[in-house]
Amino acid sequence: MMTELPLDQVRTLLAVVDEGTFDAAAAALHVTPSAVSQRVKALEQRTGRVLLQRTKPVRPTESGAVLVRYARQLARLELDAHAELGLSGAGEPTRVSVAVNADSLATWFLDALTRVSGICLELRREDEGHTAALLREGLVMAAVTSSPDPVPGCSVRPLGRMRYLPVAAPGFAGRHLAGPLPDVLPEAPVVVFDRKDDFQDRFVRRVGGTGAGPLRHHVPTSEGFVTAVAAGLGWGMVPESQTRPLLREDRLVRLTPHASMDVTLYWQQWKLDSPALAALADAVTATAAQALRR
């Protein structure tokens, strides 16, 4: 027999995760901290699993993340039902949380938002290799990701390939990159997004080197990244669409005429019959079809 999941307990678990502490969740729910603790404990006993890490802030365990995602999906369905029934609050914009990588955000993703109306987007910027984790934890409803493997409870659509070119400022290239790339790139200053960014290392290994050099400038915005490369701080892998005007103006040069690297992007979202999510997915897919390589 399937164990029932009482809605008050599931919603309380979500409140604890969102608010970060039992006391803050109690204040948000207008109940006592003891009631919050009892509901969470009862849910853990019902499921036979530890659902929360009692840290500051509180974090869900792997099993807890499943229930957090379930709670958010219930909330989304409830809001959609209210809107369809014309109940109070239906005139408020629908909120949809999405994880998207910085380069997509800077180049094509915002154009998709002009194709939808009545949706209030809550965007979370994260590397495309890590956005699926936010889906898995129930922190977002949809994500632009590099993973073709669906998160449990999610569907996947291919979006296209984002092409990156290895580029540098002309003066920088003359000073640091005069020679075979496998020899000079491991010694040259390089611009990276953050400490998780190994994209430049992968390109160097592809052309026969050991990896990018130790002198690394960390620039954690897409616009700042290309500006830093054009300013001569280092070389870097820049989205093709961002390089075009700078190449025409001779503010950037390609390190090699034909080499590039592609990142295949996918759209993952909850499997919900939600008009808001469906409209956003259609807009993102249509925009990506125009902006990305197939």
Protein backbone atom coordinates (compact mmCIF):
# COMPACT_ATOMS: atom_id res chain seq x y z
CA MET A 1 0.00 0.00 0.00
CA MET A 2 1.38 3.42 -0.99
CA THR A 3 2.25 5.70 1.93
CA GLU A 4 0.27 8.94 1.83
CA LEU A 5 2.18 12.22 1.99
CA PRO A 6 0.11 14.75 3.98
CA LEU A 7 0.17 18.13 2.25
CA ASP A 8 0.72 20.10 5.45
CA GLN A 9 3.85 18.06 6.19
CA VAL A 10 5.19 18.39 2.63
CA ARG A 11 4.56 22.14 2.58
CA THR A 12 6.24 22.49 5.96
CA LEU A 13 9.33 20.70 4.67
CA LEU A 14 9.45 23.12 1.73
CA ALA A 15 9.10 26.10 4.06
CA VAL A 16 12.02 24.90 6.21
CA VAL A 17 14.24 24.52 3.13
CA ASP A 18 13.22 27.89 1.68
CA GLU A 19 13.48 29.80 4.95
CA GLY A 20 16.66 28.07 6.11
CA THR A 21 15.69 27.39 9.74
CA PHE A 22 12.82 25.82 11.67
CA ASP A 23 12.13 29.11 13.46
CA ALA A 24 11.93 31.10 10.21
CA ALA A 25 9.66 28.46 8.68
CA ALA A 26 7.39 28.66 11.73
CA ALA A 27 7.13 32.43 11.33
CA ALA A 28 6.32 32.07 7.61
CA LEU A 29 3.65 29.43 8.30
CA HIS A 30 2.26 31.21 11.38
CA VAL A 31 2.74 28.15 13.59
CA THR A 32 5.10 27.33 16.44
CA PRO A 33 8.64 25.98 15.87
CA SER A 34 7.51 22.87 17.77
CA ALA A 35 4.74 22.28 15.23
CA VAL A 36 7.22 22.61 12.36
CA SER A 37 9.60 20.14 14.00
CA GLN A 38 6.77 17.67 14.65
CA ARG A 39 5.53 17.82 11.04
CA VAL A 40 9.01 17.24 9.62
CA LYS A 41 9.64 14.39 12.05
CA ALA A 42 6.30 12.83 11.17
CA LEU A 43 7.12 13.04 7.46
CA GLU A 44 10.52 11.42 8.06
CA GLN A 45 8.87 8.61 10.00
CA ARG A 46 6.24 8.18 7.28
CA THR A 47 8.86 7.93 4.51
CA GLY A 48 11.46 6.08 6.61
CA ARG A 49 14.16 8.53 5.50
CA VAL A 50 16.11 11.46 6.89
CA LEU A 51 14.90 14.43 4.85
CA LEU A 52 16.91 17.35 6.21
CA GLN A 53 20.50 18.06 7.11
CA ARG A 54 20.25 20.04 10.35
CA THR A 55 22.81 22.62 9.26
CA LYS A 56 22.60 26.41 9.06
CA PRO A 57 20.94 26.96 6.71
CA VAL A 58 19.02 23.69 6.64
CA ARG A 59 19.60 21.66 3.47
CA PRO A 60 17.57 18.74 2.09
CA THR A 61 19.09 15.30 1.83
CA GLU A 62 18.82 13.47 -1.48
CA SER A 63 15.46 12.04 -0.37
CA GLY A 64 14.40 15.44 0.95
CA ALA A 65 15.17 17.04 -2.42
CA VAL A 66 12.68 14.66 -4.05
CA LEU A 67 9.93 15.87 -1.71
CA VAL A 68 10.96 19.51 -2.09
CA ARG A 69 10.60 19.16 -5.85
CA TYR A 70 7.22 17.47 -5.34
CA ALA A 71 6.08 20.32 -3.08
CA ARG A 72 7.05 22.96 -5.64
CA GLN A 73 5.23 21.07 -8.39
CA LEU A 74 2.11 20.90 -6.24
CA ALA A 75 2.33 24.64 -5.65
CA ARG A 76 2.69 25.27 -9.39
CA LEU A 77 -0.34 23.10 -10.20
CA GLU A 78 -2.38 24.81 -7.51
CA LEU A 79 -1.58 28.26 -8.94
CA ASP A 80 -2.47 27.12 -12.46
CA ALA A 81 -5.76 25.70 -11.21
CA HIS A 82 -6.58 28.98 -9.44
CA ALA A 83 -5.87 30.89 -12.64
CA GLU A 84 -8.07 28.61 -14.77
CA LEU A 85 -10.90 28.86 -12.24
CA GLY A 86 -10.62 32.64 -12.04
CA LEU A 87 -10.16 32.59 -8.28
CA SER A 88 -8.66 35.47 -6.31
CA GLY A 89 -5.07 36.23 -7.17
CA ALA A 90 -5.44 34.84 -10.69
CA GLY A 91 -4.52 38.24 -12.14
CA GLU A 92 -1.07 38.10 -10.59
CA PRO A 93 1.80 37.17 -12.95
CA THR A 94 2.84 33.54 -12.93
CA ARG A 95 6.29 33.00 -11.42
CA VAL A 96 8.62 30.54 -13.13
CA SER A 97 12.12 29.83 -11.82
CA VAL A 98 14.77 28.93 -14.42
CA ALA A 99 18.48 28.13 -14.24
CA VAL A 100 20.48 29.37 -17.23
CA ASN A 101 24.18 29.62 -18.01
CA ALA A 102 25.80 33.05 -18.24
CA ASP A 103 26.69 32.88 -21.94
CA SER A 104 23.13 32.00 -22.97
CA LEU A 105 21.83 34.76 -20.73
CA ALA A 106 24.15 37.28 -22.39
CA THR A 107 23.55 36.23 -25.98
CA TRP A 108 20.14 34.72 -26.80
CA PHE A 109 18.05 33.67 -23.82
CA LEU A 110 16.58 37.06 -22.96
CA ASP A 111 15.17 37.30 -26.51
CA ALA A 112 13.00 34.29 -25.67
CA LEU A 113 11.36 36.21 -22.84
CA THR A 114 10.01 38.79 -25.29
CA ARG A 115 7.91 36.00 -26.85
CA VAL A 116 5.92 35.30 -23.68
CA SER A 117 3.70 37.48 -21.52
CA GLY A 118 2.14 37.17 -18.11
CA ILE A 119 5.15 35.27 -16.73
CA CYS A 120 7.44 36.61 -14.02
CA LEU A 121 10.84 34.94 -14.43
CA GLU A 122 13.17 34.21 -11.55
CA LEU A 123 16.51 33.47 -13.21
CA ARG A 124 19.40 31.71 -11.50
CA ARG A 125 22.75 31.93 -13.27
CA GLU A 126 24.77 28.74 -13.18
CA ASP A 127 27.24 26.90 -15.40
CA GLU A 128 25.41 24.73 -17.96
CA GLY A 129 27.12 21.66 -16.50
CA HIS A 130 25.58 22.33 -13.08
CA THR A 131 22.09 23.69 -13.84
CA ALA A 132 20.60 20.18 -13.79
CA ALA A 133 21.55 19.92 -10.12
CA LEU A 134 19.25 22.86 -9.34
CA LEU A 135 16.42 21.00 -11.09
CA ARG A 136 17.21 17.84 -9.14
CA GLU A 137 17.08 19.77 -5.85
CA GLY A 138 13.75 21.34 -6.77
CA LEU A 139 15.18 24.87 -6.72
CA VAL A 140 14.07 25.66 -10.29
CA MET A 141 11.29 24.48 -12.59
CA ALA A 142 13.35 24.47 -15.79
CA ALA A 143 16.96 24.83 -16.91
CA VAL A 144 19.24 25.34 -19.88
CA THR A 145 21.72 22.52 -19.41
CA SER A 146 24.42 20.58 -21.22
CA SER A 147 23.04 17.28 -19.91
CA PRO A 148 20.84 15.22 -22.26
CA ASP A 149 19.95 12.85 -19.41
CA PRO A 150 16.59 13.86 -17.91
CA VAL A 151 16.42 14.66 -14.23
CA PRO A 152 13.76 12.42 -12.62
CA GLY A 153 10.36 13.95 -13.26
CA CYS A 154 11.63 16.16 -16.09
CA SER A 155 11.41 16.18 -19.88
CA VAL A 156 14.24 17.16 -22.26
CA ARG A 157 14.32 19.09 -25.53
CA PRO A 158 17.49 19.69 -27.59
CA LEU A 159 18.15 23.39 -28.21
CA GLY A 160 21.26 23.44 -30.38
CA ARG A 161 25.00 23.98 -30.21
CA MET A 162 26.68 27.11 -28.89
CA ARG A 163 30.01 27.61 -30.67
CA TYR A 164 33.07 29.07 -28.92
CA LEU A 165 36.15 30.50 -30.63
CA PRO A 166 39.67 30.75 -29.12
CA VAL A 167 40.53 34.46 -29.36
CA ALA A 168 42.83 37.11 -27.98
CA ALA A 169 43.60 40.80 -28.43
CA PRO A 170 46.04 41.36 -31.33
CA GLY A 171 48.73 42.86 -29.09
CA PHE A 172 48.41 40.02 -26.59
CA ALA A 173 48.66 37.43 -29.35
CA GLY A 174 51.84 39.09 -30.66
CA ARG A 175 53.46 39.08 -27.21
CA HIS A 176 52.40 35.70 -25.86
CA LEU A 177 51.24 33.46 -28.70
CA ALA A 178 53.99 33.66 -31.32
CA GLY A 179 54.66 29.99 -31.84
CA PRO A 180 52.92 26.60 -32.01
CA LEU A 181 49.81 26.68 -29.83
CA PRO A 182 50.63 23.45 -27.91
CA ASP A 183 53.85 25.15 -26.77
CA VAL A 184 52.69 28.72 -26.06
CA LEU A 185 49.17 28.28 -24.61
CA PRO A 186 50.31 26.41 -21.45
CA GLU A 187 52.50 29.43 -20.62
CA ALA A 188 50.19 32.30 -21.65
CA PRO A 189 47.87 34.22 -19.30
CA VAL A 190 44.28 33.06 -19.71
CA VAL A 191 40.83 34.34 -18.76
CA VAL A 192 38.47 31.86 -17.07
CA PHE A 193 34.94 32.28 -15.75
CA ASP A 194 35.51 30.83 -12.28
CA ARG A 195 37.30 27.98 -10.54
CA LYS A 196 34.92 25.40 -12.06
CA ASP A 197 35.67 26.58 -15.61
CA ASP A 198 37.93 24.07 -17.39
CA PHE A 199 36.83 25.00 -20.92
CA GLN A 200 40.12 26.68 -21.82
CA ASP A 201 42.08 23.68 -20.48
CA ARG A 202 40.03 21.35 -22.66
CA PHE A 203 40.81 23.41 -25.74
CA VAL A 204 44.55 23.39 -25.01
CA ARG A 205 44.49 19.61 -24.57
CA ARG A 206 42.56 19.29 -27.83
CA VAL A 207 45.33 21.09 -29.76
CA GLY A 208 48.03 18.96 -28.11
CA GLY A 209 49.05 20.96 -25.04
CA THR A 210 48.96 20.00 -21.39
CA GLY A 211 46.37 22.56 -20.28
CA ALA A 212 45.98 26.31 -19.91
CA GLY A 213 48.58 28.31 -18.04
CA PRO A 214 48.76 28.99 -14.28
CA LEU A 215 48.24 32.76 -14.64
CA ARG A 216 44.42 32.86 -14.67
CA HIS A 217 42.14 35.86 -14.46
CA HIS A 218 38.74 34.93 -12.99
CA VAL A 219 35.98 37.02 -14.59
CA PRO A 220 32.54 35.61 -13.61
CA THR A 221 30.29 37.43 -16.08
CA SER A 222 29.89 36.75 -19.79
CA GLU A 223 30.14 40.42 -20.78
CA GLY A 224 33.10 40.98 -18.47
CA PHE A 225 34.83 37.88 -19.82
CA VAL A 226 34.87 39.05 -23.44
CA THR A 227 35.82 42.58 -22.35
CA ALA A 228 38.78 41.19 -20.39
CA VAL A 229 39.96 39.17 -23.40
CA ALA A 230 39.60 42.17 -25.72
CA ALA A 231 41.52 44.30 -23.20
CA GLY A 232 44.50 41.94 -23.43
CA LEU A 233 44.39 40.34 -19.99
CA GLY A 234 44.56 36.87 -21.52
CA TRP A 235 43.19 34.62 -24.22
CA GLY A 236 39.87 32.82 -23.84
CA MET A 237 37.06 30.82 -25.42
CA VAL A 238 34.33 33.32 -26.34
CA PRO A 239 30.87 32.61 -27.82
CA GLU A 240 30.92 33.05 -31.58
CA SER A 241 28.13 35.64 -31.55
CA GLN A 242 30.11 37.84 -29.13
CA THR A 243 33.30 37.64 -31.21
CA ARG A 244 31.81 38.71 -34.56
CA PRO A 245 31.82 42.52 -34.09
CA LEU A 246 35.19 42.47 -32.30
CA LEU A 247 36.78 40.39 -35.06
CA ARG A 248 35.42 42.81 -37.68
CA GLU A 249 36.87 45.75 -35.75
CA ASP A 250 40.23 43.96 -35.33
CA ARG A 251 39.90 44.10 -31.55
CA LEU A 252 40.17 40.31 -31.42
CA VAL A 253 42.00 37.73 -33.50
CA ARG A 254 41.41 33.99 -33.71
CA LEU A 255 44.28 31.90 -32.40
CA THR A 256 43.81 29.48 -35.26
CA PRO A 257 41.62 29.95 -38.35
CA HIS A 258 39.40 26.89 -38.06
CA ALA A 259 39.49 25.56 -34.49
CA SER A 260 36.40 25.93 -32.31
CA MET A 261 34.52 24.07 -29.59
CA ASP A 262 30.78 23.49 -29.38
CA VAL A 263 28.59 23.01 -26.32
CA THR A 264 25.28 21.25 -26.97
CA LEU A 265 22.47 22.75 -24.91
CA TYR A 266 19.18 21.21 -23.79
CA TRP A 267 16.02 22.48 -22.17
CA GLN A 268 14.87 20.44 -19.19
CA GLN A 269 11.64 21.17 -17.31
CA TRP A 270 9.23 19.59 -14.92
CA LYS A 271 6.70 17.20 -16.46
CA LEU A 272 3.71 19.32 -15.55
CA ASP A 273 0.65 20.28 -17.56
CA SER A 274 1.39 23.94 -16.83
CA PRO A 275 0.44 26.60 -19.42
CA ALA A 276 3.18 28.91 -18.16
CA LEU A 277 5.92 26.29 -18.49
CA ALA A 278 4.63 25.19 -21.91
CA ALA A 279 4.61 28.77 -23.24
CA LEU A 280 8.11 29.42 -21.94
CA ALA A 281 9.43 26.13 -23.38
CA ASP A 282 8.02 26.97 -26.82
CA ALA A 283 9.56 30.45 -26.71
CA VAL A 284 12.97 29.17 -25.62
CA THR A 285 13.00 26.43 -28.26
CA ALA A 286 12.01 28.84 -31.04
CA THR A 287 14.62 31.41 -30.03
CA ALA A 288 17.35 28.80 -29.72
CA ALA A 289 16.53 27.47 -33.19
CA GLN A 290 17.40 30.91 -34.59
CA ALA A 291 20.41 31.66 -32.38
CA LEU A 292 22.22 28.32 -32.02
CA ARG A 293 23.75 25.89 -34.49
CA ARG A 294 21.80 22.74 -35.22
